[in-house]
C-alpha atoms as a PDB file:
ATOM      1  CA  UNK A   1      93.749  97.756 104.477  1.00  0.00           C
ATOM      2  CA  UNK A   2      90.016  97.498 103.818  1.00  0.00           C
ATOM      3  CA  UNK A   3      89.205  96.503 107.382  1.00  0.00           C
ATOM      4  CA  UNK A   4      91.409  99.220 108.811  1.00  0.00           C
ATOM      5  CA  UNK A   5      90.364 102.148 106.620  1.00  0.00           C
ATOM      6  CA  UNK A   6      86.658 101.305 106.799  1.00  0.00           C
ATOM      7  CA  UNK A   7      86.761 100.122 110.433  1.00  0.00           C
ATOM      8  CA  UNK A   8      85.239  96.768 109.562  1.00  0.00           C
ATOM      9  CA  UNK A   9      85.028  93.812 111.896  1.00  0.00           C
ATOM     10  CA  UNK A  10      86.292  90.319 111.092  1.00  0.00           C
ATOM     11  CA  UNK A  11      82.874  89.188 109.836  1.00  0.00           C
ATOM     12  CA  UNK A  12      82.502  92.163 107.478  1.00  0.00           C
ATOM     13  CA  UNK A  13      85.803  92.412 105.652  1.00  0.00           C
ATOM     14  CA  UNK A  14      87.956  90.133 103.569  1.00  0.00           C
ATOM     15  CA  UNK A  15      89.393  87.015 105.147  1.00  0.00           C
ATOM     16  CA  UNK A  16      93.047  87.355 106.080  1.00  0.00           C
ATOM     17  CA  UNK A  17      95.352  84.391 105.654  1.00  0.00           C
ATOM     18  CA  UNK A  18      98.507  83.332 107.451  1.00  0.00           C
ATOM     19  CA  UNK A  19     101.031  86.053 108.244  1.00  0.00           C
ATOM     20  CA  UNK A  20      98.701  88.746 106.882  1.00  0.00           C
ATOM     21  CA  UNK A  21      98.602  87.251 103.379  1.00  0.00           C
ATOM     22  CA  UNK A  22      95.409  87.885 101.500  1.00  0.00           C
ATOM     23  CA  UNK A  23      93.168  84.934 100.867  1.00  0.00           C
ATOM     24  CA  UNK A  24      91.211  86.814  98.215  1.00  0.00           C
ATOM     25  CA  UNK A  25      90.543  84.861  95.080  1.00  0.00           C
ATOM     26  CA  UNK A  26      88.292  86.256  92.422  1.00  0.00           C
ATOM     27  CA  UNK A  27      86.428  89.487  93.148  1.00  0.00           C
ATOM     28  CA  UNK A  28      84.277  90.117  96.220  1.00  0.00           C
ATOM     29  CA  UNK A  29      81.966  92.975  97.153  1.00  0.00           C
ATOM     30  CA  UNK A  30      81.859  94.374 100.695  1.00  0.00           C
ATOM     31  CA  UNK A  31      79.503  97.010 102.083  1.00  0.00           C
ATOM     32  CA  UNK A  32      80.718  98.367 105.416  1.00  0.00           C
ATOM     33  CA  UNK A  33      77.934  98.695 107.968  1.00  0.00           C
ATOM     34  CA  UNK A  34      76.482 102.197 107.949  1.00  0.00           C
ATOM     35  CA  UNK A  35      78.313 103.229 104.774  1.00  0.00           C
ATOM     36  CA  UNK A  36      76.759 104.105 101.447  1.00  0.00           C
ATOM     37  CA  UNK A  37      79.512 102.446  99.446  1.00  0.00           C
ATOM     38  CA  UNK A  38      80.420  99.061  98.087  1.00  0.00           C
ATOM     39  CA  UNK A  39      84.041  97.973  97.972  1.00  0.00           C
ATOM     40  CA  UNK A  40      85.268  95.453  95.438  1.00  0.00           C
ATOM     41  CA  UNK A  41      88.313  93.465  96.487  1.00  0.00           C
ATOM     42  CA  UNK A  42      90.047  91.521  93.752  1.00  0.00           C
ATOM     43  CA  UNK A  43      92.764  88.979  93.726  1.00  0.00           C
ATOM     44  CA  UNK A  44      96.044  90.628  92.789  1.00  0.00           C
ATOM     45  CA  UNK A  45      98.273  89.908  89.844  1.00  0.00           C
ATOM     46  CA  UNK A  46     101.161  87.555  90.620  1.00  0.00           C
ATOM     47  CA  UNK A  47     103.764  85.726  88.591  1.00  0.00           C
ATOM     48  CA  UNK A  48     102.059  82.746  87.032  1.00  0.00           C
ATOM     49  CA  UNK A  49      98.651  84.446  86.978  1.00  0.00           C
ATOM     50  CA  UNK A  50      96.984  84.547  83.574  1.00  0.00           C
ATOM     51  CA  UNK A  51      97.392  88.241  82.723  1.00  0.00           C
ATOM     52  CA  UNK A  52      94.533  88.289  80.213  1.00  0.00           C
ATOM     53  CA  UNK A  53      92.124  86.600  82.631  1.00  0.00           C
ATOM     54  CA  UNK A  54      93.180  88.968  85.418  1.00  0.00           C
ATOM     55  CA  UNK A  55      92.499  92.017  83.236  1.00  0.00           C
ATOM     56  CA  UNK A  56      89.263  90.576  81.844  1.00  0.00           C
ATOM     57  CA  UNK A  57      87.934  89.794  85.341  1.00  0.00           C
ATOM     58  CA  UNK A  58      88.707  93.189  86.852  1.00  0.00           C
ATOM     59  CA  UNK A  59      87.646  95.241  83.836  1.00  0.00           C
ATOM     60  CA  UNK A  60      84.577  93.027  83.527  1.00  0.00           C
ATOM     61  CA  UNK A  61      83.328  94.080  86.962  1.00  0.00           C
ATOM     62  CA  UNK A  62      83.748  97.748  86.084  1.00  0.00           C
ATOM     63  CA  UNK A  63      81.948  97.283  82.767  1.00  0.00           C
ATOM     64  CA  UNK A  64      79.179  95.223  84.368  1.00  0.00           C
ATOM     65  CA  UNK A  65      78.456  97.967  86.899  1.00  0.00           C
ATOM     66  CA  UNK A  66      78.252 100.540  84.090  1.00  0.00           C
ATOM     67  CA  UNK A  67      75.915  98.338  82.005  1.00  0.00           C
ATOM     68  CA  UNK A  68      73.690  97.523  84.984  1.00  0.00           C
ATOM     69  CA  UNK A  69      73.379 101.209  85.913  1.00  0.00           C
ATOM     70  CA  UNK A  70      73.748 103.227  82.693  1.00  0.00           C
ATOM     71  CA  UNK A  71      71.997 106.323  84.057  1.00  0.00           C
ATOM     72  CA  UNK A  72      72.617 105.823  87.783  1.00  0.00           C
ATOM     73  CA  UNK A  73      76.172 106.856  88.638  1.00  0.00           C
ATOM     74  CA  UNK A  74      75.724 105.602  92.203  1.00  0.00           C
ATOM     75  CA  UNK A  75      75.950 102.064  90.807  1.00  0.00           C
ATOM     76  CA  UNK A  76      79.279 102.671  89.053  1.00  0.00           C
ATOM     77  CA  UNK A  77      82.792 102.143  90.368  1.00  0.00           C
ATOM     78  CA  UNK A  78      84.199 105.578  91.136  1.00  0.00           C
ATOM     79  CA  UNK A  79      87.847 104.978  91.957  1.00  0.00           C
ATOM     80  CA  UNK A  80      90.445 102.244  92.158  1.00  0.00           C
ATOM     81  CA  UNK A  81      92.898 101.598  94.953  1.00  0.00           C
ATOM     82  CA  UNK A  82      95.536  99.518  93.170  1.00  0.00           C
ATOM     83  CA  UNK A  83      97.589  97.670  95.786  1.00  0.00           C
ATOM     84  CA  UNK A  84     101.145  96.496  95.213  1.00  0.00           C
ATOM     85  CA  UNK A  85     103.017  94.581  97.915  1.00  0.00           C
ATOM     86  CA  UNK A  86     106.135  96.595  98.718  1.00  0.00           C
ATOM     87  CA  UNK A  87     107.788  93.448 100.057  1.00  0.00           C
ATOM     88  CA  UNK A  88     107.707  91.913  96.560  1.00  0.00           C
ATOM     89  CA  UNK A  89     109.541  94.970  95.208  1.00  0.00           C
ATOM     90  CA  UNK A  90     107.957  94.491  91.771  1.00  0.00           C
ATOM     91  CA  UNK A  91     105.618  96.466  89.560  1.00  0.00           C
ATOM     92  CA  UNK A  92     104.641  94.192  86.710  1.00  0.00           C
ATOM     93  CA  UNK A  93     103.867  95.175  83.146  1.00  0.00           C
ATOM     94  CA  UNK A  94     100.387  93.725  83.815  1.00  0.00           C
ATOM     95  CA  UNK A  95      99.952  96.213  86.683  1.00  0.00           C
ATOM     96  CA  UNK A  96     100.845  99.098  84.393  1.00  0.00           C
ATOM     97  CA  UNK A  97      98.500  97.833  81.655  1.00  0.00           C
ATOM     98  CA  UNK A  98      95.631  97.440  84.105  1.00  0.00           C
ATOM     99  CA  UNK A  99      96.006 100.938  85.530  1.00  0.00           C
ATOM    100  CA  UNK A 100      96.323 102.513  82.089  1.00  0.00           C
ATOM    101  CA  UNK A 101      93.273 100.634  80.801  1.00  0.00           C
ATOM    102  CA  UNK A 102      91.100 101.606  83.783  1.00  0.00           C
ATOM    103  CA  UNK A 103      92.083 105.244  83.455  1.00  0.00           C
ATOM    104  CA  UNK A 104      91.837 105.399  79.658  1.00  0.00           C
ATOM    105  CA  UNK A 105      88.765 103.296  78.967  1.00  0.00           C
ATOM    106  CA  UNK A 106      86.668 104.284  81.962  1.00  0.00           C
ATOM    107  CA  UNK A 107      88.201 107.582  83.145  1.00  0.00           C
ATOM    108  CA  UNK A 108      88.299 106.240  86.686  1.00  0.00           C
ATOM    109  CA  UNK A 109      90.886 107.771  89.017  1.00  0.00           C
ATOM    110  CA  UNK A 110      93.472 105.266  90.264  1.00  0.00           C
ATOM    111  CA  UNK A 111      95.946 105.489  93.120  1.00  0.00           C
ATOM    112  CA  UNK A 112      98.655 102.968  93.943  1.00  0.00           C
ATOM    113  CA  UNK A 113      99.024 101.822  97.532  1.00  0.00           C
ATOM    114  CA  UNK A 114     102.257 100.076  98.452  1.00  0.00           C
ATOM    115  CA  UNK A 115     101.136  97.627 101.119  1.00  0.00           C
ATOM    116  CA  UNK A 116     103.185  95.644 103.619  1.00  0.00           C
ATOM    117  CA  UNK A 117     105.814  98.385 103.878  1.00  0.00           C
ATOM    118  CA  UNK A 118     106.775  96.814 107.209  1.00  0.00           C
ATOM    119  CA  UNK A 119     108.396  94.030 105.153  1.00  0.00           C
ATOM    120  CA  UNK A 120     110.473  96.368 102.976  1.00  0.00           C
ATOM    121  CA  UNK A 121     113.285  98.791 103.643  1.00  0.00           C
ATOM    122  CA  UNK A 122     113.269 102.500 102.855  1.00  0.00           C
ATOM    123  CA  UNK A 123     115.560 102.064  99.852  1.00  0.00           C
ATOM    124  CA  UNK A 124     113.376  99.316  98.375  1.00  0.00           C
ATOM    125  CA  UNK A 125     110.235 101.417  98.815  1.00  0.00           C
ATOM    126  CA  UNK A 126     111.966 104.356  97.124  1.00  0.00           C
ATOM    127  CA  UNK A 127     113.085 102.203  94.180  1.00  0.00           C
ATOM    128  CA  UNK A 128     109.595 100.750  93.771  1.00  0.00           C
ATOM    129  CA  UNK A 129     108.003 104.209  93.761  1.00  0.00           C
ATOM    130  CA  UNK A 130     110.548 105.370  91.199  1.00  0.00           C
ATOM    131  CA  UNK A 131     109.864 102.339  88.976  1.00  0.00           C
ATOM    132  CA  UNK A 132     106.128 103.029  89.086  1.00  0.00           C
ATOM    133  CA  UNK A 133     106.538 106.765  88.388  1.00  0.00           C
ATOM    134  CA  UNK A 134     108.828 105.968  85.437  1.00  0.00           C
ATOM    135  CA  UNK A 135     105.973 103.985  83.883  1.00  0.00           C
ATOM    136  CA  UNK A 136     103.057 106.162  85.057  1.00  0.00           C
ATOM    137  CA  UNK A 137     104.435 109.612  85.977  1.00  0.00           C
ATOM    138  CA  UNK A 138     101.138 111.159  87.075  1.00  0.00           C
ATOM    139  CA  UNK A 139      99.975 108.406  89.468  1.00  0.00           C
ATOM    140  CA  UNK A 140      99.527 109.080  93.194  1.00  0.00           C
ATOM    141  CA  UNK A 141     101.408 106.553  95.337  1.00  0.00           C
ATOM    142  CA  UNK A 142     100.812 105.981  99.050  1.00  0.00           C
ATOM    143  CA  UNK A 143     102.233 103.510 101.563  1.00  0.00           C
ATOM    144  CA  UNK A 144     100.472 101.382 104.143  1.00  0.00           C
ATOM    145  CA  UNK A 145     101.008  98.706 106.773  1.00  0.00           C
ATOM    146  CA  UNK A 146      98.547  97.603 109.436  1.00  0.00           C
ATOM    147  CA  UNK A 147      98.814  98.834 113.031  1.00  0.00           C
ATOM    148  CA  UNK A 148      99.771  95.443 114.446  1.00  0.00           C
ATOM    149  CA  UNK A 149     102.797  95.292 112.121  1.00  0.00           C
ATOM    150  CA  UNK A 150     103.948  98.819 112.961  1.00  0.00           C
ATOM    151  CA  UNK A 151     103.221  98.840 116.707  1.00  0.00           C
ATOM    152  CA  UNK A 152     106.910  99.205 117.577  1.00  0.00           C
ATOM    153  CA  UNK A 153     107.587 102.033 115.125  1.00  0.00           C
ATOM    154  CA  UNK A 154     108.201 105.562 116.369  1.00  0.00           C
ATOM    155  CA  UNK A 155     105.516 108.106 115.438  1.00  0.00           C
ATOM    156  CA  UNK A 156     107.650 109.813 112.770  1.00  0.00           C
ATOM    157  CA  UNK A 157     108.265 106.580 110.901  1.00  0.00           C
ATOM    158  CA  UNK A 158     104.620 105.597 111.233  1.00  0.00           C
ATOM    159  CA  UNK A 159     103.461 108.968 109.884  1.00  0.00           C
ATOM    160  CA  UNK A 160     105.820 108.650 106.925  1.00  0.00           C
ATOM    161  CA  UNK A 161     104.890 105.099 105.908  1.00  0.00           C
ATOM    162  CA  UNK A 162     101.364 104.425 107.207  1.00  0.00           C
ATOM    163  CA  UNK A 163      99.484 106.976 105.140  1.00  0.00           C
ATOM    164  CA  UNK A 164      95.869 106.221 106.123  1.00  0.00           C
ATOM    165  CA  UNK A 165      94.933 109.894 106.271  1.00  0.00           C
ATOM    166  CA  UNK A 166      96.513 110.627 102.891  1.00  0.00           C
ATOM    167  CA  UNK A 167      94.740 107.623 101.344  1.00  0.00           C
ATOM    168  CA  UNK A 168      91.345 108.696 102.663  1.00  0.00           C
ATOM    169  CA  UNK A 169      91.959 112.331 101.647  1.00  0.00           C
ATOM    170  CA  UNK A 170      92.785 111.223  98.081  1.00  0.00           C
ATOM    171  CA  UNK A 171      89.712 108.954  98.032  1.00  0.00           C
ATOM    172  CA  UNK A 172      87.364 111.699  99.179  1.00  0.00           C
ATOM    173  CA  UNK A 173      88.849 114.203  96.745  1.00  0.00           C
ATOM    174  CA  UNK A 174      88.398 111.831  93.780  1.00  0.00           C
ATOM    175  CA  UNK A 175      84.887 110.576  94.440  1.00  0.00           C
ATOM    176  CA  UNK A 176      82.686 111.465  91.512  1.00  0.00           C
END
């Protein structure tokens, strides 16, 4: 997602593991060449992950950026792209808590991106969106899968489920 949206090469973006699985552990900063932004990629929440540590780590980065740059908004984190793997078909209580805390404590806009939609069916994606909206009714939800995974899809299906333009439009609209 990061490499695709920000047109980053292999050396710039996050390392990708086997079968497209993220190899991200911890939190890493990336600054795409020629861009005036820094992206922070964090390890996601999974079953067995220490929920408190996960929340402390992610919220800690946000708070650190605010403390380091109290008067300089350019050093703050301006929005969060909260990714949930559609293939897992789960939205954890920890995900909901994290999003609510980011929005409440820091007033940072958050969108949810359902990734790996190529590994889920339409019904599963619909149920996952519904489950998220039941917990957070006012959240924007988008879907995404990389081009190599959707190469065989017809254009209509691709437009419906690979929402790169919608993601970037939301991001630009919510930059502070």
